[in-house]
Amino acid sequence: MQDIIELARHFLKRHCRRYGKQIEGFDAGAERALMGHSWPGNVRELSHAVERGVLMGRGKMLEARDLGLQSAGGEAPRLEEMGIEEVERFLIRKTLERCDGNARKAAEALGLSRSAFYRRLERYKL
């Protein structure tokens, strides 16, 4: 099971580089969530969870809630079960929430130009 944490750290570095984020690692709760998850999607699911964490994380350390593995109300939406448009809409909505509705900050966090971001807002009626 320690392999999960090592793989997650590998994916964290990769996704931080991709999105230009500086996240140092996982807090204890995130590590517990990673270790406690059954990983039916195996390595690909782990990569998606860490990528989601990089996109949704607000601090220097990823928290369990950033990974989207479970929510207080049960299972969180699973990226691998969603279509690409559903994933994009979900990430845009969540990023807007985390940026307190600031579209400029949300676009920047997602690596989108403002015009591309606004086109997506219009497409998804957000």
Foldseek 3Di string as FASTA:
>chain_A
DVVQQVLLVVLLVVLCVVQVHQADEADPQLVCLSVPDPPPVPSVQSSQLSNQQLLQPDDNHGHNVSSQQADPVGHGDRPVVDDPLVVVVVSLVSLCVVVVNDLVNSCSSVVHDSVVSVVSCVVSVD
